[in-house]
Amino acid sequence: MLKTRIIPTILWKNENIVKGIGFDSWRRIGTLLPAVKVYNLRQVDELIILDIQATEEGRLPNLGTISDITKECFVPLTIGGGIRTASDVKDILRVGADKICLNTTSYTNPSIVSDIAYMYGSQCVVASIDAKLVGSEYYCYSHNGTVNTGRTVRNWAKELEKLGAGEIIITSIEKDGTMQGYDLDLISLVSTTVKIPVIASGGAGKYEDMYQAIKKGNASAVAASSMFNFTEATPHAAREYLRSKHIPVRKI
């Protein structure tokens, strides 16, 4: 049986770690490299690092910084932000990343998902969906949650799987940073639509939230940021809590 992963998410802006609520009101909460070192010492399952300014500024995440990170990081590492072509992916993998995360570019150029999956394997492609409930339907948003793409989450998740994405990270924009729990309906919508792994994101505030995302939302993994930055919660304690609930997790 596959192990359930617990994945800290780091939002990267100008070499700093930032966090907001609802993809807004960003505030600096630390620096990048020391945080990576701490998570590495804690033997987290994976790390996701997203450069939230890269797309807006029309650039890749700093490759030198990624290289510095990978020298200190000995767990699977996903990098996202500003990726526009398959050759961009080559550069990011070359400096040590294991996977890349796509969001905005995949809407304007869906074939990039297929191109990367063909060149580097589906396991390399983490497709990110940022979603809001509009009326009775969940819609996908791009550009850091500011632009409604007009695509429904259900249809886009199906399309991403067909294009070759290896997994999907689904984030509720409205829940993001609130620490009030994941949007279980949103997670369940995606996990019952696709057969590839689904990472729950946006809203974790306590270990029970993670359990509910797995049990009720059928998530394959749970991602968290504020919970690990603003509370005493740790990935290790989260793992032990889930184990106590009979969720298969990695042993250390």
Protein backbone atom coordinates (compact mmCIF):
# COMPACT_ATOMS: atom_id res chain seq x y z
CA MET A 1 0.00 0.00 0.00
CA LEU A 2 1.29 3.46 -0.87
CA LYS A 3 2.27 5.62 2.09
CA THR A 4 0.43 8.86 2.74
CA ARG A 5 2.81 11.80 2.38
CA ILE A 6 3.01 14.90 4.55
CA ILE A 7 4.42 17.77 2.52
CA PRO A 8 5.41 21.22 3.84
CA THR A 9 4.85 23.94 1.25
CA ILE A 10 7.19 26.93 1.13
CA LEU A 11 6.15 30.11 -0.68
CA TRP A 12 9.23 31.92 -1.91
CA LYS A 13 9.49 35.64 -2.66
CA ASN A 14 12.80 37.52 -3.01
CA GLU A 15 14.72 34.78 -1.15
CA ASN A 16 12.25 35.06 1.73
CA ILE A 17 9.48 32.76 2.89
CA VAL A 18 6.09 34.48 2.88
CA LYS A 19 2.56 33.51 3.83
CA GLY A 20 -0.80 35.14 3.41
CA ILE A 21 -4.49 34.39 3.68
CA GLY A 22 -6.52 33.69 0.56
CA PHE A 23 -3.47 34.28 -1.65
CA ASP A 24 -3.20 37.86 -0.38
CA SER A 25 -1.62 40.03 2.33
CA TRP A 26 1.76 38.35 2.04
CA ARG A 27 4.04 38.74 5.02
CA ARG A 28 7.64 37.67 5.49
CA ILE A 29 8.04 34.81 7.95
CA GLY A 30 11.62 33.69 7.41
CA THR A 31 14.38 32.95 4.92
CA LEU A 32 14.49 30.09 2.50
CA LEU A 33 17.67 28.10 3.08
CA PRO A 34 17.43 27.83 6.90
CA ALA A 35 13.85 26.58 6.58
CA VAL A 36 14.88 23.91 4.08
CA LYS A 37 17.64 22.77 6.44
CA VAL A 38 15.16 22.43 9.31
CA TYR A 39 12.68 20.44 7.26
CA ASN A 40 15.47 18.22 6.00
CA LEU A 41 16.61 17.49 9.56
CA ARG A 42 13.02 16.62 10.41
CA GLN A 43 13.00 14.09 7.57
CA VAL A 44 9.81 15.30 5.91
CA ASP A 45 8.39 13.16 3.12
CA GLU A 46 8.77 15.82 0.45
CA LEU A 47 9.06 19.59 0.03
CA ILE A 48 7.22 21.88 -2.39
CA ILE A 49 8.80 25.30 -2.98
CA LEU A 50 6.91 27.82 -5.10
CA ASP A 51 8.32 31.13 -6.34
CA ILE A 52 5.15 33.22 -6.26
CA GLN A 53 6.67 36.17 -8.18
CA ALA A 54 8.30 34.28 -11.04
CA THR A 55 5.30 34.14 -13.39
CA GLU A 56 4.42 37.80 -12.85
CA GLU A 57 8.02 38.81 -13.54
CA GLY A 58 8.37 36.50 -16.56
CA ARG A 59 11.32 34.51 -15.24
CA LEU A 60 12.29 31.18 -13.74
CA PRO A 61 13.03 30.69 -10.06
CA ASN A 62 16.68 31.50 -9.36
CA LEU A 63 18.66 28.44 -10.42
CA GLY A 64 21.57 29.30 -8.16
CA THR A 65 19.27 29.37 -5.16
CA ILE A 66 17.71 26.05 -6.16
CA SER A 67 21.20 24.57 -6.45
CA ASP A 68 22.02 25.81 -2.94
CA ILE A 69 18.78 24.31 -1.65
CA THR A 70 19.37 20.91 -3.18
CA LYS A 71 22.77 20.68 -1.51
CA GLU A 72 20.95 20.84 1.82
CA CYS A 73 17.81 18.91 0.88
CA PHE A 74 17.80 15.12 0.82
CA VAL A 75 14.08 14.55 0.33
CA PRO A 76 12.12 14.76 -2.95
CA LEU A 77 11.88 18.41 -3.97
CA THR A 78 9.26 20.05 -6.19
CA ILE A 79 9.90 23.53 -7.60
CA GLY A 80 7.26 25.77 -9.16
CA GLY A 81 6.92 29.25 -10.57
CA GLY A 82 7.54 30.82 -13.96
CA ILE A 83 7.97 27.59 -15.93
CA ARG A 84 7.00 28.16 -19.57
CA THR A 85 8.78 25.52 -21.64
CA ALA A 86 10.12 21.98 -21.39
CA SER A 87 13.66 23.38 -21.61
CA ASP A 88 12.95 25.41 -18.48
CA VAL A 89 12.28 22.11 -16.75
CA LYS A 90 15.62 20.74 -17.94
CA ASP A 91 17.40 23.63 -16.23
CA ILE A 92 15.50 23.14 -12.96
CA LEU A 93 16.10 19.40 -12.88
CA ARG A 94 19.75 19.92 -13.77
CA VAL A 95 20.36 21.87 -10.55
CA GLY A 96 18.78 19.14 -8.43
CA ALA A 97 14.99 19.39 -8.27
CA ASP A 98 13.04 16.13 -8.58
CA LYS A 99 9.69 17.47 -9.84
CA ILE A 100 8.21 20.66 -11.19
CA CYS A 101 4.87 22.28 -10.40
CA LEU A 102 2.79 23.88 -13.17
CA ASN A 103 -0.14 26.23 -12.81
CA THR A 104 -0.64 29.35 -14.94
CA THR A 105 1.32 28.16 -17.99
CA SER A 106 -0.71 24.96 -18.25
CA TYR A 107 -3.88 26.98 -18.96
CA THR A 108 -2.36 29.01 -21.77
CA ASN A 109 -0.28 26.12 -23.16
CA PRO A 110 -1.75 22.76 -22.09
CA SER A 111 0.65 20.85 -24.33
CA ILE A 112 3.49 21.76 -21.97
CA VAL A 113 2.16 19.10 -19.58
CA SER A 114 2.38 16.45 -22.29
CA ASP A 115 5.79 17.66 -23.45
CA ILE A 116 7.30 17.47 -19.97
CA ALA A 117 5.66 14.11 -19.22
CA TYR A 118 7.04 12.73 -22.49
CA MET A 119 10.55 14.03 -21.90
CA TYR A 120 10.95 13.40 -18.18
CA GLY A 121 8.09 11.11 -17.17
CA SER A 122 4.69 11.81 -15.64
CA GLN A 123 6.15 11.47 -12.15
CA CYS A 124 7.99 14.75 -12.80
CA VAL A 125 4.80 16.79 -13.36
CA VAL A 126 2.82 18.10 -10.40
CA ALA A 127 -0.19 19.99 -11.78
CA SER A 128 -1.45 22.72 -9.47
CA ILE A 129 -5.11 23.75 -9.36
CA ASP A 130 -6.09 26.81 -7.32
CA ALA A 131 -9.86 26.87 -6.95
CA LYS A 132 -12.78 28.95 -5.74
CA LEU A 133 -16.43 28.05 -5.36
CA VAL A 134 -18.49 30.29 -7.65
CA GLY A 135 -22.18 29.67 -7.14
CA SER A 136 -22.47 25.90 -7.07
CA GLU A 137 -19.37 25.15 -9.17
CA TYR A 138 -15.64 25.13 -8.42
CA TYR A 139 -13.57 27.10 -10.93
CA CYS A 140 -9.83 27.15 -11.60
CA TYR A 141 -7.86 30.35 -11.06
CA SER A 142 -4.46 31.29 -12.47
CA HIS A 143 -1.90 34.03 -11.75
CA ASN A 144 -1.73 33.40 -8.00
CA GLY A 145 -5.47 33.02 -7.68
CA THR A 146 -6.40 36.31 -9.34
CA VAL A 147 -7.76 35.24 -12.75
CA ASN A 148 -10.79 33.00 -13.25
CA THR A 149 -9.81 30.78 -16.18
CA GLY A 150 -13.42 29.83 -16.90
CA ARG A 151 -12.49 26.16 -16.53
CA THR A 152 -14.28 24.02 -13.98
CA VAL A 153 -12.14 22.03 -11.58
CA ARG A 154 -13.73 18.74 -12.58
CA ASN A 155 -13.09 19.19 -16.31
CA TRP A 156 -9.60 20.60 -15.88
CA ALA A 157 -8.54 17.80 -13.51
CA LYS A 158 -9.66 15.25 -16.13
CA GLU A 159 -7.75 17.13 -18.82
CA LEU A 160 -4.56 17.32 -16.75
CA GLU A 161 -4.65 13.58 -16.15
CA LYS A 162 -5.19 12.94 -19.86
CA LEU A 163 -2.29 15.26 -20.72
CA GLY A 164 0.05 13.21 -18.55
CA ALA A 165 0.30 14.93 -15.16
CA GLY A 166 1.63 12.57 -12.51
CA GLU A 167 -0.30 14.12 -9.62
CA ILE A 168 -2.49 17.10 -8.80
CA ILE A 169 -2.17 19.50 -5.88
CA ILE A 170 -5.57 21.07 -5.24
CA THR A 171 -5.70 24.28 -3.20
CA SER A 172 -8.77 26.09 -1.94
CA ILE A 173 -8.04 29.81 -2.34
CA GLU A 174 -10.68 30.72 0.23
CA LYS A 175 -9.32 28.28 2.81
CA ASP A 176 -5.66 29.07 2.17
CA GLY A 177 -3.89 30.39 5.26
CA THR A 178 -6.99 30.27 7.46
CA MET A 179 -5.98 27.13 9.39
CA GLN A 180 -9.70 26.28 9.59
CA GLY A 181 -9.49 22.99 7.75
CA TYR A 182 -9.31 21.89 4.13
CA ASP A 183 -12.23 22.16 1.73
CA LEU A 184 -13.16 18.48 1.85
CA ASP A 185 -15.78 18.77 -0.90
CA LEU A 186 -13.19 20.23 -3.27
CA ILE A 187 -10.62 17.56 -2.46
CA SER A 188 -13.18 14.80 -2.86
CA LEU A 189 -14.31 16.26 -6.19
CA VAL A 190 -10.81 15.95 -7.61
CA SER A 191 -9.89 12.60 -6.03
CA THR A 192 -13.05 10.96 -7.37
CA THR A 193 -12.52 12.49 -10.83
CA VAL A 194 -8.96 11.30 -11.47
CA LYS A 195 -6.94 8.17 -10.78
CA ILE A 196 -3.60 9.91 -10.22
CA PRO A 197 -2.53 10.97 -6.69
CA VAL A 198 -4.15 14.09 -5.25
CA ILE A 199 -2.40 16.38 -2.76
CA ALA A 200 -4.74 18.33 -0.47
CA SER A 201 -3.71 21.93 0.15
CA GLY A 202 -5.14 25.08 1.71
CA GLY A 203 -6.48 25.34 5.25
CA ALA A 204 -4.71 22.80 7.48
CA GLY A 205 -4.56 23.98 11.08
CA LYS A 206 -4.37 20.76 13.08
CA TYR A 207 -3.56 17.11 12.58
CA GLU A 208 -7.23 16.14 12.48
CA ASP A 209 -7.65 18.33 9.39
CA MET A 210 -5.08 16.17 7.64
CA TYR A 211 -6.84 13.00 8.70
CA GLN A 212 -10.16 14.29 7.36
CA ALA A 213 -8.57 15.24 4.03
CA ILE A 214 -7.35 11.67 3.69
CA LYS A 215 -10.37 9.87 5.11
CA LYS A 216 -13.21 11.98 3.70
CA GLY A 217 -11.43 13.71 0.82
CA ASN A 218 -9.52 10.59 -0.32
CA ALA A 219 -6.31 12.62 -0.65
CA SER A 220 -3.10 10.71 -1.31
CA ALA A 221 -1.00 13.37 0.44
CA VAL A 222 -1.52 16.46 2.57
CA ALA A 223 0.33 19.75 2.18
CA ALA A 224 0.55 22.48 4.80
CA SER A 225 2.31 25.80 5.32
CA SER A 226 0.75 28.03 8.02
CA MET A 227 0.22 25.06 10.32
CA PHE A 228 3.97 24.37 10.42
CA ASN A 229 4.95 28.04 10.60
CA PHE A 230 2.50 29.47 13.12
CA THR A 231 1.74 26.58 15.50
CA GLU A 232 3.74 24.00 17.44
CA ALA A 233 2.75 21.33 14.90
CA THR A 234 5.53 19.36 13.22
CA PRO A 235 5.57 16.95 10.28
CA HIS A 236 6.83 14.20 12.62
CA ALA A 237 3.94 14.68 15.05
CA ALA A 238 1.51 14.80 12.12
CA ARG A 239 2.89 11.47 10.93
CA GLU A 240 2.45 9.93 14.38
CA TYR A 241 -1.11 11.23 14.64
CA LEU A 242 -2.04 9.74 11.28
CA ARG A 243 -0.39 6.46 12.24
CA SER A 244 -2.55 6.37 15.38
CA LYS A 245 -5.56 6.68 13.06
CA HIS A 246 -4.34 3.68 11.03
CA ILE A 247 -3.27 5.77 8.05
CA PRO A 248 -0.21 4.21 6.35
CA VAL A 249 2.71 6.65 6.69
CA ARG A 250 6.44 6.37 6.23
CA LYS A 251 8.46 5.04 9.15
CA ILE A 252 11.60 6.89 10.22
